[in-house]
């Protein structure tokens, strides 16, 4: 599939827990889809990072598969 992007975020510790990560993920995803015609976005999240996993799920990403023996999890957002 063409037009695939990868996303990785790291928010400033002073704003963590305020929902900013979710907003950044959602905004990047929408801009990438609209302006760059991205059809799919991949994220790799550490399995111990519960807040990040929740942010990606809230932004519409689906859990795809565990990686590195379960230490990381692959998420994917597909635009139809």
Protein backbone atom coordinates (compact mmCIF):
# COMPACT_ATOMS: atom_id res chain seq x y z
CA UNK A 1 0.00 0.00 0.00
CA UNK A 2 1.34 3.45 -0.89
CA UNK A 3 1.11 6.59 1.20
CA UNK A 4 2.02 5.11 4.58
CA UNK A 5 3.32 7.29 7.42
CA UNK A 6 4.79 6.55 10.83
CA UNK A 7 4.06 8.62 13.92
CA UNK A 8 5.97 8.94 17.18
CA UNK A 9 5.28 11.52 19.85
CA UNK A 10 6.91 12.68 23.07
CA UNK A 11 5.16 15.39 25.04
CA UNK A 12 6.77 17.74 27.50
CA UNK A 13 6.50 16.26 31.01
CA UNK A 14 4.82 19.46 32.23
CA UNK A 15 1.77 18.83 30.00
CA UNK A 16 1.50 15.06 30.28
CA UNK A 17 -1.83 13.76 31.49
CA UNK A 18 -3.75 16.74 30.07
CA UNK A 19 -4.92 15.07 26.85
CA UNK A 20 -2.37 16.89 24.69
CA UNK A 21 -0.89 13.65 23.29
CA UNK A 22 -4.25 12.56 21.92
CA UNK A 23 -4.77 15.98 20.33
CA UNK A 24 -1.33 15.90 18.71
CA UNK A 25 -1.92 12.40 17.33
CA UNK A 26 -5.35 13.27 15.99
CA UNK A 27 -4.21 16.56 14.46
CA UNK A 28 -1.13 15.03 12.80
CA UNK A 29 -3.22 12.17 11.44
CA UNK A 30 -5.84 14.47 9.96
CA UNK A 31 -3.24 16.78 8.39
CA UNK A 32 -1.26 13.86 6.96
CA UNK A 33 -4.40 12.36 5.45
CA UNK A 34 -5.80 15.60 4.08
CA UNK A 35 -2.64 17.36 2.87
CA UNK A 36 -0.32 14.46 2.08
CA UNK A 37 -2.93 11.90 1.04
CA UNK A 38 -1.65 9.43 3.63
CA UNK A 39 -3.86 6.35 3.70
CA UNK A 40 -2.32 4.53 6.66
CA UNK A 41 -0.39 5.59 9.77
CA UNK A 42 1.68 3.22 11.90
CA UNK A 43 2.68 3.74 15.54
CA UNK A 44 4.93 1.57 17.69
CA UNK A 45 4.24 2.01 21.42
CA UNK A 46 6.04 0.56 24.44
CA UNK A 47 3.70 -1.87 26.16
CA UNK A 48 4.43 -0.26 29.54
CA UNK A 49 3.24 3.14 28.27
CA UNK A 50 -0.45 2.80 29.11
CA UNK A 51 -1.23 6.51 28.62
CA UNK A 52 0.26 6.48 25.12
CA UNK A 53 -1.67 3.34 24.20
CA UNK A 54 -4.89 5.02 25.40
CA UNK A 55 -4.08 8.16 23.40
CA UNK A 56 -3.56 6.24 20.17
CA UNK A 57 -6.71 4.18 20.74
CA UNK A 58 -8.74 7.33 21.45
CA UNK A 59 -7.39 8.84 18.21
CA UNK A 60 -8.79 5.87 16.26
CA UNK A 61 -5.73 3.63 16.00
CA UNK A 62 -6.25 -0.13 16.26
CA UNK A 63 -3.93 -2.51 18.08
CA UNK A 64 -2.40 -4.77 15.42
CA UNK A 65 0.30 -6.97 16.95
CA UNK A 66 2.88 -7.27 19.72
CA UNK A 67 6.52 -6.74 18.77
CA UNK A 68 9.87 -7.56 20.38
CA UNK A 69 8.40 -10.27 22.58
CA UNK A 70 5.55 -8.06 23.74
CA UNK A 71 7.72 -5.11 24.80
CA UNK A 72 6.16 -2.96 22.08
CA UNK A 73 2.81 -2.91 20.34
CA UNK A 74 2.06 -1.94 16.76
CA UNK A 75 -0.96 0.30 16.16
CA UNK A 76 -2.46 1.29 12.84
CA UNK A 77 -4.88 3.92 11.59
CA UNK A 78 -6.36 3.34 8.16
CA UNK A 79 -8.26 5.99 6.24
CA UNK A 80 -10.99 4.63 3.98
